[in-house]
Amino acid sequence: MVKEVEVFKGTTTVGVVCKDGVILGTDTRATAGNYVASKHAKKVYQITDNLAMTIAGGVAVAQKVVEILKVNTRLYELEKGRRMPVKSAATLVSGMLFQNREAGAPLPMQAIVGGFDETGPHIFNLDPFGSLLEDKMISTGSGSPFAYGVLEAMYKEDKPVKEMLPVVVKAIDSAMKRDTYSGDSFDVAVIDKKGYRELTPPEKEALLKA
């Protein structure tokens, strides 16, 4: 029997698939209930040159999952001589979450695993129980209803990364302005055939003004 678990979702994360890559964005506020624990929390992590992951929920648990994923992707590369596909990485995280659900203690986290591999750009949504869903646009956390409001109106799958970056920033900014548990600043990462790259502060400021 699975025990009921309380999941703190005080954050906003966004992932979208573009014609030529993937964009992952998050706010940077970490909360403990109504207490703002940090204004500069890291919520998007590079796993490899072609993979990244966003986290929402319990920070310690999520960081542990990130480290396990990093080690396993590296082992995969050493053994197979090629980069781990995005779906394989997402399935690995799904297995970890599902295993804890079976033990009766679901991990208090949500994640978006995204990247670019031989089959193109992909993003996967994972919940605390290990459910795995591939989609074209995903938002998690307490600010997700506000982010989805922007994404549903403005996201277009066939557009390049350059044109979708302002949409992702607008979605996160909308959540930061309306959700108490999201705010302070934001991080944005792009993954395409050239690899992983995080936007610089001037780039983020320019997009926010635009």
Protein backbone atom coordinates (compact mmCIF):
# COMPACT_ATOMS: atom_id res chain seq x y z
CA MET A 1 0.00 0.00 0.00
CA VAL A 2 1.42 3.39 -1.00
CA LYS A 3 1.50 5.92 1.82
CA GLU A 4 0.21 9.43 1.24
CA VAL A 5 3.09 11.85 0.74
CA GLU A 6 3.13 15.61 1.02
CA VAL A 7 4.93 17.19 -1.93
CA PHE A 8 6.13 20.77 -1.79
CA LYS A 9 5.85 22.22 -5.28
CA GLY A 10 6.95 25.79 -4.60
CA THR A 11 8.68 26.55 -7.86
CA THR A 12 8.19 27.04 -11.60
CA THR A 13 9.96 24.96 -14.22
CA VAL A 14 9.33 24.98 -17.96
CA GLY A 15 10.50 22.78 -20.81
CA VAL A 16 9.69 23.11 -24.52
CA VAL A 17 10.70 21.30 -27.69
CA CYS A 18 11.69 23.51 -30.64
CA LYS A 19 12.48 22.71 -34.25
CA ASP A 20 16.22 22.75 -33.56
CA GLY A 21 16.57 22.07 -29.84
CA VAL A 22 15.16 22.11 -26.32
CA ILE A 23 14.72 25.00 -23.88
CA LEU A 24 14.57 24.46 -20.11
CA GLY A 25 13.83 27.32 -17.73
CA THR A 26 13.26 27.73 -13.98
CA ASP A 27 12.85 30.40 -11.35
CA THR A 28 15.47 30.57 -8.57
CA ARG A 29 13.43 30.88 -5.35
CA ALA A 30 13.62 28.04 -2.80
CA THR A 31 10.93 27.95 -0.14
CA ALA A 32 10.19 25.97 3.03
CA GLY A 33 6.50 26.54 3.57
CA ASN A 34 6.04 30.30 3.64
CA TYR A 35 9.73 30.89 4.35
CA VAL A 36 12.02 31.96 1.48
CA ALA A 37 15.10 29.82 2.09
CA SER A 38 17.11 31.05 -0.90
CA LYS A 39 16.80 33.55 -3.74
CA HIS A 40 19.47 31.87 -5.87
CA ALA A 41 18.56 28.17 -5.90
CA LYS A 42 19.79 26.06 -8.79
CA LYS A 43 16.94 24.14 -10.42
CA VAL A 44 18.26 23.28 -13.89
CA TYR A 45 21.25 20.93 -14.04
CA GLN A 46 23.48 19.88 -16.92
CA ILE A 47 23.81 16.09 -16.98
CA THR A 48 25.93 15.68 -20.14
CA ASP A 49 26.62 17.72 -23.26
CA ASN A 50 23.25 16.63 -24.65
CA LEU A 51 21.16 16.19 -21.49
CA ALA A 52 19.76 18.37 -18.69
CA MET A 53 17.20 18.09 -15.93
CA THR A 54 15.01 20.50 -13.98
CA ILE A 55 13.87 19.83 -10.42
CA ALA A 56 10.87 20.79 -8.30
CA GLY A 57 10.11 19.61 -4.78
CA GLY A 58 12.52 18.34 -2.14
CA VAL A 59 15.93 19.84 -2.93
CA ALA A 60 18.12 17.24 -1.19
CA VAL A 61 16.30 14.34 -2.80
CA ALA A 62 16.33 15.95 -6.24
CA GLN A 63 20.05 16.74 -6.07
CA LYS A 64 20.76 13.11 -5.18
CA VAL A 65 18.78 11.93 -8.20
CA VAL A 66 20.72 14.38 -10.39
CA GLU A 67 24.05 12.98 -9.14
CA ILE A 68 22.94 9.37 -9.72
CA LEU A 69 21.86 10.27 -13.25
CA LYS A 70 25.19 11.98 -13.96
CA VAL A 71 27.15 8.91 -12.87
CA ASN A 72 25.01 6.50 -14.88
CA THR A 73 25.15 8.57 -18.06
CA ARG A 74 28.92 8.69 -17.77
CA LEU A 75 29.10 4.92 -17.28
CA TYR A 76 26.85 4.47 -20.30
CA GLU A 77 29.17 6.61 -22.43
CA LEU A 78 32.23 4.64 -21.30
CA GLU A 79 30.58 1.28 -21.95
CA LYS A 80 28.71 2.04 -25.19
CA GLY A 81 31.01 4.64 -26.68
CA ARG A 82 28.11 7.00 -27.37
CA ARG A 83 25.86 9.42 -25.51
CA MET A 84 22.82 8.17 -23.64
CA PRO A 85 19.52 8.85 -25.48
CA VAL A 86 17.16 11.29 -23.81
CA LYS A 87 14.46 8.65 -23.34
CA SER A 88 16.92 6.27 -21.67
CA ALA A 89 17.95 8.97 -19.18
CA ALA A 90 14.32 9.78 -18.41
CA THR A 91 13.51 6.08 -17.98
CA LEU A 92 16.39 5.74 -15.52
CA VAL A 93 14.96 8.56 -13.38
CA SER A 94 11.50 7.04 -13.71
CA GLY A 95 12.86 3.75 -12.37
CA MET A 96 14.34 5.43 -9.31
CA LEU A 97 11.07 7.20 -8.53
CA PHE A 98 8.98 4.08 -9.14
CA GLN A 99 11.23 1.97 -6.92
CA ASN A 100 10.64 4.30 -3.98
CA ARG A 101 6.91 4.28 -4.65
CA GLU A 102 6.96 0.50 -4.39
CA ALA A 103 8.76 0.85 -1.05
CA GLY A 104 5.87 2.99 0.20
CA ALA A 105 7.78 6.28 0.35
CA PRO A 106 7.52 8.25 -2.92
CA LEU A 107 10.30 10.79 -3.43
CA PRO A 108 8.93 14.35 -3.04
CA MET A 109 10.01 15.69 -6.42
CA GLN A 110 9.01 16.36 -10.00
CA ALA A 111 11.44 16.57 -12.88
CA ILE A 112 11.75 17.46 -16.54
CA VAL A 113 14.45 15.54 -18.41
CA GLY A 114 15.30 17.10 -21.76
CA GLY A 115 17.95 16.95 -24.41
CA PHE A 116 19.02 16.44 -28.00
CA ASP A 117 20.10 13.06 -29.38
CA GLU A 118 20.27 11.16 -32.67
CA THR A 119 16.49 11.24 -32.97
CA GLY A 120 16.20 14.97 -32.28
CA PRO A 121 14.99 17.10 -29.34
CA HIS A 122 12.90 15.55 -26.55
CA ILE A 123 11.49 16.44 -23.13
CA PHE A 124 9.94 14.08 -20.55
CA ASN A 125 7.79 14.86 -17.53
CA LEU A 126 8.26 12.74 -14.37
CA ASP A 127 6.11 12.80 -11.25
CA PRO A 128 6.92 11.49 -7.72
CA PHE A 129 5.44 8.07 -8.54
CA GLY A 130 7.64 7.44 -11.56
CA SER A 131 5.10 8.19 -14.28
CA LEU A 132 6.88 9.10 -17.51
CA LEU A 133 5.31 11.26 -20.21
CA GLU A 134 6.91 12.72 -23.31
CA ASP A 135 5.43 16.03 -24.43
CA LYS A 136 6.25 19.13 -26.45
CA MET A 137 5.76 21.65 -23.62
CA ILE A 138 5.81 20.98 -19.89
CA SER A 139 5.62 23.07 -16.73
CA THR A 140 5.82 21.83 -13.13
CA GLY A 141 5.54 23.37 -9.69
CA SER A 142 3.16 25.79 -8.00
CA GLY A 143 3.62 28.42 -10.72
CA SER A 144 2.81 26.02 -13.57
CA PRO A 145 -0.82 27.17 -14.09
CA PHE A 146 0.43 30.69 -14.85
CA ALA A 147 3.25 29.40 -17.07
CA TYR A 148 0.83 27.17 -18.98
CA GLY A 149 -1.38 30.20 -19.61
CA VAL A 150 1.43 31.77 -21.63
CA LEU A 151 2.63 28.54 -23.24
CA GLU A 152 -0.84 27.51 -24.45
CA ALA A 153 -1.26 30.89 -26.14
CA MET A 154 2.21 31.41 -27.60
CA TYR A 155 4.10 28.12 -27.98
CA LYS A 156 4.61 26.79 -31.51
CA GLU A 157 6.40 23.48 -32.00
CA ASP A 158 7.78 24.22 -35.46
CA LYS A 159 9.60 27.39 -34.40
CA PRO A 160 13.39 27.55 -33.74
CA VAL A 161 14.93 28.06 -30.32
CA LYS A 162 15.64 31.72 -31.04
CA GLU A 163 11.94 32.47 -31.49
CA MET A 164 10.75 30.40 -28.52
CA LEU A 165 13.21 31.80 -25.96
CA PRO A 166 11.08 34.95 -25.34
CA VAL A 167 8.01 32.73 -24.85
CA VAL A 168 9.74 30.59 -22.20
CA VAL A 169 11.02 33.70 -20.40
CA LYS A 170 7.56 35.27 -20.52
CA ALA A 171 6.02 32.08 -19.09
CA ILE A 172 8.45 31.99 -16.16
CA ASP A 173 8.12 35.73 -15.57
CA SER A 174 4.33 35.42 -15.51
CA ALA A 175 4.56 32.73 -12.82
CA MET A 176 7.10 34.74 -10.81
CA LYS A 177 4.75 37.73 -10.74
CA ARG A 178 1.69 35.75 -9.63
CA ASP A 179 2.91 32.77 -7.60
CA THR A 180 4.15 33.46 -4.07
CA TYR A 181 6.49 30.47 -4.10
CA SER A 182 8.22 31.41 -7.38
CA GLY A 183 10.38 34.45 -7.96
CA ASP A 184 13.60 36.46 -7.51
CA SER A 185 15.32 35.46 -10.77
CA PHE A 186 15.39 32.76 -13.44
CA ASP A 187 17.76 30.44 -15.31
CA VAL A 188 17.40 29.29 -18.92
CA ALA A 189 19.33 26.52 -20.68
CA VAL A 190 19.36 25.56 -24.36
CA ILE A 191 20.31 22.11 -25.65
CA ASP A 192 20.78 21.59 -29.38
CA LYS A 193 23.15 19.75 -31.71
CA LYS A 194 25.98 22.02 -30.52
CA GLY A 195 25.47 20.93 -26.91
CA TYR A 196 24.34 22.48 -23.62
CA ARG A 197 24.44 26.21 -22.93
CA GLU A 198 23.00 28.44 -20.20
CA LEU A 199 21.99 31.98 -21.04
CA THR A 200 24.13 34.76 -19.59
CA PRO A 201 22.65 37.49 -17.35
CA PRO A 202 22.73 40.08 -20.19
CA GLU A 203 20.95 37.64 -22.52
CA LYS A 204 18.26 36.96 -19.92
CA GLU A 205 17.81 40.66 -19.21
CA ALA A 206 17.42 41.42 -22.93
CA LEU A 207 14.79 38.70 -23.33
CA LEU A 208 12.90 39.91 -20.27
CA LYS A 209 12.78 43.46 -21.62
CA ALA A 210 11.68 42.24 -25.03
